[in-house]
């Protein structure tokens, strides 16, 4: 995003600095949330796949991917 700020005229840069920083923070948060959601889905899909194959359900296990 800093390269984006460098393309903005100097007199407008200060006005845009905070909104661009907020946008960057929200984008990182979104990416992190999506990665976590993908991991959760993979665990759930694995659980369903095992159940469909007739394997007994494990009551507790370390599900970190």
C-alpha atoms as a PDB file:
ATOM      1  CA  UNK A   1       0.000   0.000   0.000  1.00  0.00           C
ATOM      2  CA  UNK A   2       2.924   2.350   0.466  1.00  0.00           C
ATOM      3  CA  UNK A   3       3.469   2.299  -3.276  1.00  0.00           C
ATOM      4  CA  UNK A   4      -0.137   3.431  -3.641  1.00  0.00           C
ATOM      5  CA  UNK A   5       0.524   6.370  -1.326  1.00  0.00           C
ATOM      6  CA  UNK A   6       3.562   7.352  -3.364  1.00  0.00           C
ATOM      7  CA  UNK A   7       1.286   7.784  -6.392  1.00  0.00           C
ATOM      8  CA  UNK A   8      -0.948  10.264  -4.563  1.00  0.00           C
ATOM      9  CA  UNK A   9      -0.080  13.964  -4.778  1.00  0.00           C
ATOM     10  CA  UNK A  10       1.755  15.225  -1.696  1.00  0.00           C
ATOM     11  CA  UNK A  11      -1.069  17.560  -0.641  1.00  0.00           C
ATOM     12  CA  UNK A  12      -3.560  14.649  -0.533  1.00  0.00           C
ATOM     13  CA  UNK A  13      -1.251  12.030   0.947  1.00  0.00           C
ATOM     14  CA  UNK A  14      -1.941  12.904   4.583  1.00  0.00           C
ATOM     15  CA  UNK A  15      -5.717  12.744   4.014  1.00  0.00           C
ATOM     16  CA  UNK A  16      -5.451   9.276   2.484  1.00  0.00           C
ATOM     17  CA  UNK A  17      -2.860   7.772   4.804  1.00  0.00           C
ATOM     18  CA  UNK A  18      -5.257   6.672   7.585  1.00  0.00           C
ATOM     19  CA  UNK A  19      -7.996   5.294   5.294  1.00  0.00           C
ATOM     20  CA  UNK A  20      -5.410   3.312   3.337  1.00  0.00           C
ATOM     21  CA  UNK A  21      -3.854   1.969   6.559  1.00  0.00           C
ATOM     22  CA  UNK A  22      -7.339   0.918   7.739  1.00  0.00           C
ATOM     23  CA  UNK A  23      -7.990  -0.757   4.418  1.00  0.00           C
ATOM     24  CA  UNK A  24      -4.704  -2.634   4.629  1.00  0.00           C
ATOM     25  CA  UNK A  25      -5.467  -3.791   8.184  1.00  0.00           C
ATOM     26  CA  UNK A  26      -8.962  -4.954   7.172  1.00  0.00           C
ATOM     27  CA  UNK A  27      -7.547  -6.782   4.171  1.00  0.00           C
ATOM     28  CA  UNK A  28      -5.056  -8.646   6.369  1.00  0.00           C
ATOM     29  CA  UNK A  29      -7.860  -9.500   8.811  1.00  0.00           C
ATOM     30  CA  UNK A  30     -10.019 -10.788   5.962  1.00  0.00           C
ATOM     31  CA  UNK A  31      -7.202 -12.931   4.578  1.00  0.00           C
ATOM     32  CA  UNK A  32      -6.481 -14.365   8.032  1.00  0.00           C
ATOM     33  CA  UNK A  33     -10.180 -15.100   8.629  1.00  0.00           C
ATOM     34  CA  UNK A  34     -10.511 -16.799   5.268  1.00  0.00           C
ATOM     35  CA  UNK A  35      -7.453 -18.968   5.907  1.00  0.00           C
ATOM     36  CA  UNK A  36      -8.892 -20.019   9.274  1.00  0.00           C
ATOM     37  CA  UNK A  37     -12.275 -20.778   7.708  1.00  0.00           C
ATOM     38  CA  UNK A  38     -10.564 -22.902   5.051  1.00  0.00           C
ATOM     39  CA  UNK A  39      -8.739 -24.874   7.750  1.00  0.00           C
ATOM     40  CA  UNK A  40     -11.985 -25.466   9.647  1.00  0.00           C
ATOM     41  CA  UNK A  41     -13.714 -26.635   6.478  1.00  0.00           C
ATOM     42  CA  UNK A  42     -10.882 -29.057   5.715  1.00  0.00           C
ATOM     43  CA  UNK A  43     -11.186 -30.581   9.188  1.00  0.00           C
ATOM     44  CA  UNK A  44     -14.954 -30.913   8.832  1.00  0.00           C
ATOM     45  CA  UNK A  45     -14.634 -32.454   5.368  1.00  0.00           C
ATOM     46  CA  UNK A  46     -12.108 -34.934   6.746  1.00  0.00           C
ATOM     47  CA  UNK A  47     -14.493 -35.837   9.583  1.00  0.00           C
ATOM     48  CA  UNK A  48     -17.392 -36.378   7.183  1.00  0.00           C
ATOM     49  CA  UNK A  49     -15.206 -38.408   4.843  1.00  0.00           C
ATOM     50  CA  UNK A  50     -14.156 -40.687   7.687  1.00  0.00           C
ATOM     51  CA  UNK A  51     -17.768 -41.119   8.782  1.00  0.00           C
ATOM     52  CA  UNK A  52     -18.817 -41.995   5.231  1.00  0.00           C
ATOM     53  CA  UNK A  53     -16.060 -44.614   5.118  1.00  0.00           C
ATOM     54  CA  UNK A  54     -17.493 -46.201   8.261  1.00  0.00           C
ATOM     55  CA  UNK A  55     -14.625 -45.233  10.540  1.00  0.00           C
ATOM     56  CA  UNK A  56     -15.647 -44.521  14.116  1.00  0.00           C
ATOM     57  CA  UNK A  57     -15.811 -40.916  15.170  1.00  0.00           C
ATOM     58  CA  UNK A  58     -12.982 -39.809  17.419  1.00  0.00           C
ATOM     59  CA  UNK A  59     -14.314 -37.987  20.482  1.00  0.00           C
ATOM     60  CA  UNK A  60     -11.274 -35.741  20.813  1.00  0.00           C
ATOM     61  CA  UNK A  61      -8.146 -35.205  18.824  1.00  0.00           C
ATOM     62  CA  UNK A  62      -5.777 -32.435  18.018  1.00  0.00           C
ATOM     63  CA  UNK A  63      -7.391 -30.977  14.904  1.00  0.00           C
ATOM     64  CA  UNK A  64      -4.749 -28.418  14.056  1.00  0.00           C
ATOM     65  CA  UNK A  65      -3.977 -28.531  10.369  1.00  0.00           C
END
